[in-house]
N, C-alpha and C. Protein backbone atom coordinates (compact mmCIF):
# COMPACT_ATOMS: atom_id res chain seq x y z
N MET A 1 -30.36 159.90 103.11
CA MET A 1 -30.16 161.09 103.91
C MET A 1 -30.34 162.33 103.02
N ILE A 2 -31.09 163.27 103.51
CA ILE A 2 -31.35 164.51 102.77
C ILE A 2 -30.22 165.51 103.03
N HIS A 3 -29.83 166.21 101.97
CA HIS A 3 -28.78 167.22 102.08
C HIS A 3 -29.29 168.57 101.58
N LEU A 4 -28.67 169.62 102.10
CA LEU A 4 -28.87 170.96 101.58
C LEU A 4 -27.62 171.32 100.79
N TYR A 5 -27.82 171.97 99.65
CA TYR A 5 -26.72 172.31 98.74
C TYR A 5 -26.58 173.82 98.63
N HIS A 6 -25.33 174.27 98.67
CA HIS A 6 -25.01 175.68 98.48
C HIS A 6 -24.13 175.77 97.25
N TYR A 7 -24.55 176.60 96.29
CA TYR A 7 -23.81 176.77 95.04
C TYR A 7 -23.13 178.13 95.06
N TYR A 8 -21.88 178.18 94.52
CA TYR A 8 -21.11 179.42 94.60
C TYR A 8 -20.02 179.45 93.54
N GLU A 9 -19.47 180.64 93.34
CA GLU A 9 -18.35 180.86 92.42
C GLU A 9 -17.04 180.53 93.14
N LYS A 10 -16.23 179.66 92.55
CA LYS A 10 -15.01 179.20 93.21
C LYS A 10 -14.10 180.35 93.63
N ARG A 11 -13.86 181.32 92.75
CA ARG A 11 -12.91 182.40 93.07
C ARG A 11 -13.42 183.31 94.19
N VAL A 12 -14.72 183.33 94.41
CA VAL A 12 -15.30 184.18 95.46
C VAL A 12 -15.41 183.42 96.77
N GLY A 13 -15.72 182.13 96.69
CA GLY A 13 -15.88 181.31 97.89
C GLY A 13 -17.34 181.24 98.32
N PRO A 14 -17.63 180.31 99.21
CA PRO A 14 -19.02 180.10 99.63
C PRO A 14 -19.49 181.13 100.67
N PHE A 15 -20.78 181.17 100.82
CA PHE A 15 -21.45 181.92 101.88
C PHE A 15 -21.17 183.41 101.83
N LYS A 16 -21.16 183.97 100.64
CA LYS A 16 -21.04 185.42 100.46
C LYS A 16 -22.44 185.96 100.19
N SER A 17 -22.76 187.07 100.79
CA SER A 17 -24.10 187.62 100.65
C SER A 17 -24.03 189.12 100.42
N LEU A 18 -24.57 189.56 99.30
CA LEU A 18 -24.60 191.00 99.02
C LEU A 18 -25.42 191.75 100.06
N THR A 19 -26.47 191.13 100.55
CA THR A 19 -27.34 191.85 101.48
C THR A 19 -26.74 191.98 102.89
N GLN A 20 -25.64 191.32 103.13
CA GLN A 20 -24.93 191.53 104.39
C GLN A 20 -24.06 192.79 104.33
N LEU A 21 -23.88 193.31 103.12
CA LEU A 21 -23.02 194.47 102.91
C LEU A 21 -23.83 195.76 102.92
N GLU A 22 -23.13 196.86 103.11
CA GLU A 22 -23.76 198.17 102.96
C GLU A 22 -24.13 198.36 101.48
N ASP A 23 -25.14 199.17 101.23
CA ASP A 23 -25.64 199.35 99.86
C ASP A 23 -24.54 199.73 98.87
N ASN A 24 -23.70 200.69 99.21
CA ASN A 24 -22.69 201.16 98.25
C ASN A 24 -21.67 200.06 97.92
N GLU A 25 -21.29 199.26 98.91
CA GLU A 25 -20.36 198.15 98.67
C GLU A 25 -21.02 197.06 97.81
N ALA A 26 -22.25 196.72 98.14
CA ALA A 26 -22.98 195.70 97.38
C ALA A 26 -23.20 196.16 95.94
N GLU A 27 -23.57 197.41 95.74
CA GLU A 27 -23.79 197.93 94.39
C GLU A 27 -22.49 197.94 93.59
N ALA A 28 -21.37 198.24 94.23
CA ALA A 28 -20.07 198.21 93.54
C ALA A 28 -19.75 196.80 93.05
N ILE A 29 -20.03 195.82 93.86
CA ILE A 29 -19.80 194.42 93.46
C ILE A 29 -20.71 194.04 92.31
N LEU A 30 -21.98 194.40 92.40
CA LEU A 30 -22.92 194.12 91.31
C LEU A 30 -22.47 194.80 90.01
N LYS A 31 -22.01 196.02 90.11
CA LYS A 31 -21.54 196.74 88.92
C LYS A 31 -20.38 196.00 88.28
N LYS A 32 -19.45 195.55 89.10
CA LYS A 32 -18.30 194.80 88.58
C LYS A 32 -18.75 193.50 87.92
N LEU A 33 -19.68 192.80 88.54
CA LEU A 33 -20.20 191.55 87.96
C LEU A 33 -20.88 191.81 86.61
N ARG A 34 -21.62 192.91 86.53
CA ARG A 34 -22.28 193.24 85.27
C ARG A 34 -21.26 193.54 84.17
N LEU A 35 -20.21 194.27 84.53
CA LEU A 35 -19.18 194.61 83.55
C LEU A 35 -18.43 193.36 83.07
N GLU A 36 -18.13 192.45 83.99
CA GLU A 36 -17.45 191.20 83.63
C GLU A 36 -18.34 190.31 82.77
N ASN A 37 -19.63 190.32 83.07
CA ASN A 37 -20.65 189.58 82.32
C ASN A 37 -20.30 188.09 82.15
N LYS A 38 -19.89 187.47 83.25
CA LYS A 38 -19.49 186.06 83.18
C LYS A 38 -20.40 185.14 83.98
N THR A 39 -21.27 185.70 84.81
CA THR A 39 -22.11 184.87 85.68
C THR A 39 -23.56 185.32 85.60
N PHE A 40 -24.42 184.52 86.16
CA PHE A 40 -25.85 184.84 86.21
C PHE A 40 -26.08 186.19 86.88
N ALA A 41 -25.29 186.51 87.89
CA ALA A 41 -25.46 187.76 88.62
C ALA A 41 -25.31 188.99 87.71
N ALA A 42 -24.61 188.84 86.61
CA ALA A 42 -24.43 189.96 85.68
C ALA A 42 -25.74 190.39 85.04
N ARG A 43 -26.75 189.52 85.05
CA ARG A 43 -28.03 189.82 84.42
C ARG A 43 -29.04 190.41 85.39
N ARG A 44 -28.65 190.63 86.61
CA ARG A 44 -29.60 191.15 87.60
C ARG A 44 -29.92 192.61 87.32
N SER A 45 -31.14 192.98 87.60
CA SER A 45 -31.63 194.33 87.30
C SER A 45 -30.97 195.37 88.20
N GLN A 46 -31.14 196.63 87.82
CA GLN A 46 -30.60 197.73 88.62
C GLN A 46 -31.28 197.79 89.99
N GLN A 47 -32.49 197.27 90.10
CA GLN A 47 -33.24 197.28 91.36
C GLN A 47 -33.08 195.98 92.15
N TYR A 48 -32.17 195.12 91.71
CA TYR A 48 -32.03 193.80 92.34
C TYR A 48 -31.84 193.89 93.85
N LEU A 49 -30.91 194.68 94.29
CA LEU A 49 -30.58 194.73 95.72
C LEU A 49 -31.78 195.20 96.54
N GLU A 50 -32.47 196.20 96.05
CA GLU A 50 -33.67 196.69 96.74
C GLU A 50 -34.73 195.59 96.85
N HIS A 51 -34.96 194.88 95.74
CA HIS A 51 -35.95 193.80 95.73
C HIS A 51 -35.51 192.63 96.62
N ARG A 52 -34.22 192.29 96.55
CA ARG A 52 -33.70 191.19 97.37
C ARG A 52 -33.89 191.50 98.85
N ARG A 53 -33.56 192.72 99.27
CA ARG A 53 -33.73 193.09 100.69
C ARG A 53 -35.20 193.05 101.11
N GLU A 54 -36.07 193.50 100.24
CA GLU A 54 -37.51 193.48 100.52
C GLU A 54 -38.00 192.04 100.70
N ILE A 55 -37.59 191.15 99.82
CA ILE A 55 -37.99 189.75 99.91
C ILE A 55 -37.42 189.11 101.17
N GLU A 56 -36.16 189.38 101.48
CA GLU A 56 -35.57 188.81 102.69
C GLU A 56 -36.31 189.27 103.95
N ARG A 57 -36.70 190.54 103.99
CA ARG A 57 -37.47 191.03 105.14
C ARG A 57 -38.81 190.30 105.27
N LYS A 58 -39.47 190.11 104.14
CA LYS A 58 -40.77 189.43 104.15
C LYS A 58 -40.61 187.97 104.56
N VAL A 59 -39.64 187.28 104.00
CA VAL A 59 -39.41 185.87 104.35
C VAL A 59 -39.10 185.74 105.83
N LYS A 60 -38.25 186.61 106.34
CA LYS A 60 -37.88 186.56 107.76
C LYS A 60 -39.10 186.81 108.64
N GLU A 61 -39.89 187.80 108.30
CA GLU A 61 -41.09 188.13 109.07
C GLU A 61 -42.07 186.95 109.10
N LEU A 62 -42.31 186.35 107.94
CA LEU A 62 -43.23 185.21 107.87
C LEU A 62 -42.68 184.00 108.64
N PHE A 63 -41.39 183.81 108.58
CA PHE A 63 -40.75 182.71 109.31
C PHE A 63 -40.89 182.90 110.82
N ILE A 64 -40.67 184.10 111.28
CA ILE A 64 -40.81 184.39 112.72
C ILE A 64 -42.25 184.17 113.15
N GLN A 65 -43.21 184.56 112.32
CA GLN A 65 -44.62 184.33 112.65
C GLN A 65 -44.95 182.85 112.81
N LYS A 66 -44.16 181.99 112.17
CA LYS A 66 -44.37 180.54 112.28
C LYS A 66 -43.52 179.91 113.38
N GLY A 67 -42.86 180.74 114.18
CA GLY A 67 -42.06 180.22 115.28
C GLY A 67 -40.58 180.11 114.98
N GLY A 68 -40.17 180.54 113.78
CA GLY A 68 -38.75 180.52 113.44
C GLY A 68 -37.95 181.46 114.33
N LYS A 69 -36.71 181.11 114.54
CA LYS A 69 -35.83 181.91 115.39
C LYS A 69 -34.53 182.24 114.64
N PRO A 70 -34.63 183.14 113.66
CA PRO A 70 -33.42 183.50 112.91
C PRO A 70 -32.40 184.19 113.81
N ILE A 71 -31.16 183.83 113.62
CA ILE A 71 -30.07 184.42 114.40
C ILE A 71 -29.39 185.54 113.59
N THR A 72 -29.22 185.32 112.29
CA THR A 72 -28.60 186.32 111.44
C THR A 72 -29.66 187.27 110.88
N SER A 73 -29.22 188.44 110.46
CA SER A 73 -30.18 189.41 109.91
C SER A 73 -30.54 189.08 108.46
N THR A 74 -29.65 188.42 107.76
CA THR A 74 -29.91 187.99 106.38
C THR A 74 -29.54 186.52 106.25
N PRO A 75 -30.18 185.83 105.32
CA PRO A 75 -29.90 184.39 105.20
C PRO A 75 -28.77 184.06 104.24
N HIS A 76 -28.30 182.85 104.35
CA HIS A 76 -27.49 182.23 103.31
C HIS A 76 -28.43 181.29 102.56
N TYR A 77 -28.21 181.17 101.27
CA TYR A 77 -29.13 180.42 100.43
C TYR A 77 -28.60 179.03 100.09
N PHE A 78 -29.48 178.08 100.25
CA PHE A 78 -29.22 176.69 99.93
C PHE A 78 -30.38 176.17 99.09
N VAL A 79 -30.22 174.94 98.61
CA VAL A 79 -31.26 174.25 97.87
C VAL A 79 -31.49 172.91 98.55
N TYR A 80 -32.75 172.53 98.66
CA TYR A 80 -33.14 171.25 99.24
C TYR A 80 -32.88 170.18 98.19
N GLU A 81 -31.90 169.33 98.44
CA GLU A 81 -31.45 168.27 97.54
C GLU A 81 -30.76 168.90 96.31
N PRO A 82 -30.03 168.08 95.54
CA PRO A 82 -29.20 168.65 94.48
C PRO A 82 -29.99 169.26 93.32
N CYS A 83 -29.38 170.26 92.73
CA CYS A 83 -29.93 170.92 91.55
C CYS A 83 -28.73 171.33 90.68
N PRO A 84 -28.10 170.36 90.01
CA PRO A 84 -26.83 170.60 89.32
C PRO A 84 -26.83 171.72 88.29
N TRP A 85 -27.96 172.02 87.66
CA TRP A 85 -27.95 173.09 86.66
C TRP A 85 -27.60 174.45 87.28
N LEU A 86 -27.73 174.58 88.61
CA LEU A 86 -27.36 175.85 89.24
C LEU A 86 -25.87 176.15 89.10
N LEU A 87 -25.06 175.13 88.87
CA LEU A 87 -23.63 175.35 88.63
C LEU A 87 -23.41 176.23 87.40
N GLU A 88 -24.37 176.22 86.48
CA GLU A 88 -24.27 177.02 85.26
C GLU A 88 -24.38 178.52 85.53
N TRP A 89 -24.85 178.90 86.72
CA TRP A 89 -24.95 180.31 87.06
C TRP A 89 -23.58 180.96 87.23
N PHE A 90 -22.55 180.14 87.32
CA PHE A 90 -21.22 180.61 87.68
C PHE A 90 -20.21 180.28 86.59
N GLU A 91 -19.14 181.06 86.55
CA GLU A 91 -18.06 180.79 85.63
C GLU A 91 -17.36 179.48 86.01
N ASP A 92 -17.09 179.31 87.29
CA ASP A 92 -16.48 178.08 87.81
C ASP A 92 -17.27 177.68 89.06
N GLY A 93 -18.47 177.16 88.83
CA GLY A 93 -19.38 176.86 89.93
C GLY A 93 -18.94 175.67 90.76
N LYS A 94 -19.17 175.79 92.04
CA LYS A 94 -18.87 174.72 93.01
C LYS A 94 -20.10 174.53 93.88
N GLU A 95 -20.15 173.40 94.56
CA GLU A 95 -21.25 173.14 95.48
C GLU A 95 -20.71 172.58 96.78
N ILE A 96 -21.45 172.87 97.81
CA ILE A 96 -21.20 172.31 99.13
C ILE A 96 -22.48 171.62 99.54
N ARG A 97 -22.36 170.45 100.13
CA ARG A 97 -23.56 169.80 100.64
C ARG A 97 -23.37 169.51 102.11
N ILE A 98 -24.45 169.73 102.84
CA ILE A 98 -24.46 169.54 104.29
C ILE A 98 -25.72 168.75 104.62
N PRO A 99 -25.59 167.70 105.43
CA PRO A 99 -26.80 166.95 105.80
C PRO A 99 -27.82 167.85 106.49
N LEU A 100 -29.07 167.71 106.10
CA LEU A 100 -30.14 168.49 106.69
C LEU A 100 -30.17 168.32 108.20
N SER A 101 -29.82 167.14 108.68
CA SER A 101 -29.86 166.86 110.12
C SER A 101 -28.90 167.73 110.92
N PHE A 102 -27.92 168.38 110.28
CA PHE A 102 -26.99 169.25 110.98
C PHE A 102 -27.60 170.62 111.32
N PHE A 103 -28.73 170.93 110.72
CA PHE A 103 -29.35 172.24 110.90
C PHE A 103 -30.41 172.21 111.97
N ASN A 104 -30.50 173.29 112.72
CA ASN A 104 -31.56 173.47 113.70
C ASN A 104 -32.81 173.91 112.93
N PRO A 105 -33.90 173.16 113.00
CA PRO A 105 -35.10 173.51 112.24
C PRO A 105 -35.65 174.91 112.53
N THR A 106 -35.34 175.48 113.68
CA THR A 106 -35.85 176.82 113.99
C THR A 106 -35.04 177.92 113.32
N SER A 107 -33.96 177.55 112.61
CA SER A 107 -33.15 178.57 111.94
C SER A 107 -33.07 178.35 110.43
N ILE A 108 -33.98 177.53 109.88
CA ILE A 108 -34.03 177.36 108.43
C ILE A 108 -35.48 177.48 107.95
N SER A 109 -35.65 178.28 106.93
CA SER A 109 -36.97 178.43 106.32
C SER A 109 -36.87 178.01 104.86
N PHE A 110 -38.03 177.82 104.24
CA PHE A 110 -38.09 177.29 102.89
C PHE A 110 -39.11 178.05 102.07
N THR A 111 -38.83 178.17 100.78
CA THR A 111 -39.83 178.61 99.81
C THR A 111 -39.90 177.54 98.73
N TYR A 112 -41.09 177.28 98.24
CA TYR A 112 -41.25 176.30 97.17
C TYR A 112 -40.92 177.01 95.88
N GLY A 113 -39.68 176.88 95.48
CA GLY A 113 -39.13 177.62 94.36
C GLY A 113 -38.24 178.73 94.91
N ASP A 114 -37.56 179.39 94.02
CA ASP A 114 -36.72 180.52 94.39
C ASP A 114 -37.59 181.57 95.09
N SER A 115 -37.03 182.23 96.08
CA SER A 115 -37.84 183.17 96.87
C SER A 115 -38.36 184.35 96.04
N PHE A 116 -37.66 184.75 94.97
CA PHE A 116 -38.16 185.86 94.15
C PHE A 116 -39.54 185.51 93.56
N PRO A 117 -39.65 184.48 92.72
CA PRO A 117 -40.99 184.17 92.20
C PRO A 117 -41.94 183.64 93.27
N ALA A 118 -41.41 182.94 94.26
CA ALA A 118 -42.29 182.42 95.32
C ALA A 118 -43.02 183.55 96.03
N MET A 119 -42.35 184.67 96.20
CA MET A 119 -42.95 185.80 96.92
C MET A 119 -43.62 186.81 96.00
N LYS A 120 -43.25 186.84 94.72
CA LYS A 120 -43.74 187.90 93.83
C LYS A 120 -44.69 187.44 92.73
N ALA A 121 -44.60 186.18 92.31
CA ALA A 121 -45.43 185.73 91.19
C ALA A 121 -46.91 185.84 91.56
N GLN A 122 -47.68 186.29 90.62
CA GLN A 122 -49.12 186.46 90.80
C GLN A 122 -49.85 185.41 89.98
N ASP A 123 -49.91 184.20 90.51
CA ASP A 123 -50.68 183.15 89.86
C ASP A 123 -51.44 182.40 90.94
N GLU A 124 -52.10 181.37 90.56
CA GLU A 124 -52.98 180.65 91.49
C GLU A 124 -52.30 179.48 92.19
N LYS A 125 -51.00 179.35 92.07
CA LYS A 125 -50.33 178.23 92.70
C LYS A 125 -50.39 178.40 94.22
N PRO A 126 -50.75 177.35 94.93
CA PRO A 126 -51.02 177.47 96.37
C PRO A 126 -49.81 177.77 97.24
N TYR A 127 -48.63 177.63 96.71
CA TYR A 127 -47.42 177.87 97.52
C TYR A 127 -46.84 179.26 97.31
N ARG A 128 -47.46 180.09 96.50
CA ARG A 128 -46.98 181.47 96.30
C ARG A 128 -47.22 182.31 97.56
N GLY A 129 -46.25 183.15 97.88
CA GLY A 129 -46.39 184.07 99.00
C GLY A 129 -46.23 183.43 100.36
N HIS A 130 -45.76 182.18 100.38
CA HIS A 130 -45.65 181.47 101.65
C HIS A 130 -44.20 181.11 101.97
N VAL A 131 -43.92 181.06 103.24
CA VAL A 131 -42.65 180.57 103.77
C VAL A 131 -43.00 179.35 104.60
N TYR A 132 -42.15 178.34 104.52
CA TYR A 132 -42.44 177.08 105.17
C TYR A 132 -41.39 176.68 106.19
N THR A 133 -41.84 175.96 107.20
CA THR A 133 -40.94 175.34 108.17
C THR A 133 -40.51 174.00 107.58
N LEU A 134 -39.58 173.34 108.25
CA LEU A 134 -39.13 172.03 107.77
C LEU A 134 -40.29 171.05 107.69
N ALA A 135 -41.09 170.97 108.72
CA ALA A 135 -42.23 170.03 108.71
C ALA A 135 -43.19 170.36 107.57
N GLU A 136 -43.43 171.63 107.33
CA GLU A 136 -44.36 172.03 106.27
C GLU A 136 -43.81 171.73 104.88
N ILE A 137 -42.51 171.98 104.67
CA ILE A 137 -41.96 171.75 103.33
C ILE A 137 -41.95 170.27 103.00
N GLU A 138 -41.75 169.43 104.00
CA GLU A 138 -41.77 167.99 103.75
C GLU A 138 -43.16 167.56 103.26
N GLY A 139 -44.22 168.14 103.81
CA GLY A 139 -45.57 167.85 103.34
C GLY A 139 -45.79 168.35 101.93
N LEU A 140 -45.26 169.53 101.62
CA LEU A 140 -45.39 170.09 100.28
C LEU A 140 -44.66 169.24 99.25
N ILE A 141 -43.50 168.72 99.63
CA ILE A 141 -42.74 167.85 98.72
C ILE A 141 -43.53 166.57 98.46
N THR A 142 -44.16 166.04 99.49
CA THR A 142 -44.99 164.85 99.31
C THR A 142 -46.12 165.14 98.33
N LYS A 143 -46.70 166.32 98.42
CA LYS A 143 -47.83 166.68 97.57
C LYS A 143 -47.41 167.05 96.14
N PHE A 144 -46.37 167.87 96.00
CA PHE A 144 -46.01 168.41 94.69
C PHE A 144 -44.71 167.85 94.11
N GLY A 145 -43.87 167.21 94.92
CA GLY A 145 -42.59 166.70 94.44
C GLY A 145 -41.50 167.76 94.46
N LEU A 146 -40.31 167.35 94.07
CA LEU A 146 -39.18 168.28 93.98
C LEU A 146 -39.18 168.96 92.61
N PRO A 147 -39.23 170.28 92.58
CA PRO A 147 -39.27 170.98 91.29
C PRO A 147 -38.10 170.63 90.38
N GLN A 148 -36.92 170.38 90.95
CA GLN A 148 -35.77 170.07 90.09
C GLN A 148 -35.95 168.73 89.37
N LEU A 149 -36.91 167.93 89.80
CA LEU A 149 -37.21 166.67 89.10
C LEU A 149 -38.31 166.86 88.06
N TRP A 150 -39.37 167.60 88.39
CA TRP A 150 -40.47 167.73 87.44
C TRP A 150 -40.37 168.97 86.55
N ASN A 151 -39.40 169.88 86.86
CA ASN A 151 -39.30 171.10 86.05
C ASN A 151 -37.83 171.51 85.87
N ALA A 152 -36.98 170.56 85.60
CA ALA A 152 -35.54 170.84 85.49
C ALA A 152 -35.23 171.89 84.42
N ASP A 153 -36.00 171.93 83.35
CA ASP A 153 -35.72 172.88 82.27
C ASP A 153 -36.47 174.21 82.42
N GLY A 154 -37.33 174.32 83.42
CA GLY A 154 -38.05 175.57 83.67
C GLY A 154 -39.23 175.82 82.75
N LYS A 155 -39.60 174.86 81.92
CA LYS A 155 -40.70 175.06 80.97
C LYS A 155 -42.07 175.08 81.64
N LEU A 156 -42.14 174.59 82.88
CA LEU A 156 -43.43 174.53 83.57
C LEU A 156 -43.61 175.64 84.61
N GLY A 157 -42.74 176.63 84.59
CA GLY A 157 -42.86 177.74 85.52
C GLY A 157 -41.55 178.06 86.20
N PRO A 158 -41.55 179.04 87.08
CA PRO A 158 -40.30 179.48 87.69
C PRO A 158 -39.78 178.59 88.82
N GLU A 159 -40.61 177.69 89.32
CA GLU A 159 -40.13 176.84 90.40
C GLU A 159 -39.27 175.72 89.84
N ARG A 160 -37.98 175.77 90.16
CA ARG A 160 -37.04 174.77 89.64
C ARG A 160 -36.26 174.10 90.76
N TYR A 161 -36.47 174.53 91.98
CA TYR A 161 -35.86 173.94 93.17
C TYR A 161 -36.58 174.50 94.38
N ILE A 162 -36.30 173.91 95.53
CA ILE A 162 -36.81 174.42 96.79
C ILE A 162 -35.67 175.20 97.42
N GLU A 163 -35.90 176.48 97.65
CA GLU A 163 -34.88 177.33 98.25
C GLU A 163 -34.93 177.19 99.77
N VAL A 164 -33.76 177.15 100.37
CA VAL A 164 -33.64 177.09 101.82
C VAL A 164 -32.91 178.35 102.27
N GLN A 165 -33.50 179.04 103.22
CA GLN A 165 -32.87 180.22 103.79
C GLN A 165 -32.31 179.79 105.16
N VAL A 166 -30.98 179.87 105.28
CA VAL A 166 -30.30 179.48 106.52
C VAL A 166 -30.01 180.76 107.30
N TRP A 167 -30.61 180.85 108.48
CA TRP A 167 -30.56 182.06 109.31
C TRP A 167 -29.62 181.89 110.49
N ASP A 168 -28.56 181.13 110.33
CA ASP A 168 -27.62 180.89 111.43
C ASP A 168 -26.26 180.51 110.85
N ASP A 169 -25.26 181.36 111.04
CA ASP A 169 -23.92 181.10 110.53
C ASP A 169 -23.24 179.91 111.20
N ASN A 170 -23.71 179.51 112.37
CA ASN A 170 -23.09 178.39 113.08
C ASN A 170 -23.18 177.09 112.31
N HIS A 171 -24.10 177.00 111.37
CA HIS A 171 -24.26 175.78 110.58
C HIS A 171 -23.26 175.71 109.42
N LEU A 172 -22.45 176.72 109.27
CA LEU A 172 -21.60 176.80 108.10
C LEU A 172 -20.14 176.44 108.40
N ASN A 173 -19.93 175.67 109.43
CA ASN A 173 -18.60 175.24 109.86
C ASN A 173 -18.00 174.31 108.81
N LYS A 174 -16.80 174.63 108.36
CA LYS A 174 -16.15 173.86 107.29
C LYS A 174 -16.02 172.38 107.64
N SER A 175 -15.99 172.02 108.89
CA SER A 175 -15.82 170.61 109.25
C SER A 175 -17.01 169.74 108.84
N ILE A 176 -18.15 170.34 108.50
CA ILE A 176 -19.31 169.53 108.11
C ILE A 176 -19.60 169.59 106.60
N TRP A 177 -18.82 170.35 105.86
CA TRP A 177 -19.03 170.46 104.43
C TRP A 177 -18.63 169.20 103.70
N GLU A 178 -19.31 168.96 102.63
CA GLU A 178 -18.90 167.94 101.66
C GLU A 178 -18.87 168.62 100.30
N GLU A 179 -17.69 168.79 99.73
CA GLU A 179 -17.59 169.45 98.42
C GLU A 179 -17.51 168.42 97.32
C-alpha cells in the first residue's frame, strides 16, 4: 500500500502553512525561525515567501488545467512514500503517514522533486516545469523511479523525493493518521 508522508516540527504540529497566513504574520514567523537557527527553515532566503506563493499559484493553475479541483487556496505538502532524511530539516522532526487511497485524486497534485526546483530549475530534465496528476506521476515513477531511492544524498540533482500538494483539508482528519 502506498502512503503519503507529511514531515513537521513536533512543537509546531502538523499541517502548518506560512502561505495560509498574511504576509506580515508569515514574515514574523520566518524572522523568528532565522533567529533561532535550529531548522531548515532558518536558511530560507528573504524572498522565500514571495517565491513560495508564486510557485503555489503556478502549480495550482497547472493542476486546474489538467482537471484538478483544488478546494483550498494553498496546499499542504506531503511526500510520495517515505523520505526519512526530511526529518533532519527539523529540531524534533515527526512524520505522519496517510494511505494514498484516502485522498481524492482530483485534490492532489505532484511534482517530480520539490516544487521549487521542479518549477524553477533550467535544465533538460523532462519533468521540469510540470505538475502531474496521480495517474501521470505513477507513469513517471515507472519510468524514472523514486528519487529518494536513486538520489538519497542529493548528489545527482535537486530531485530527492516526489512532492505531493494536498489541496483539501478534509483529508487531514486525525483519525486516519499514522504517526
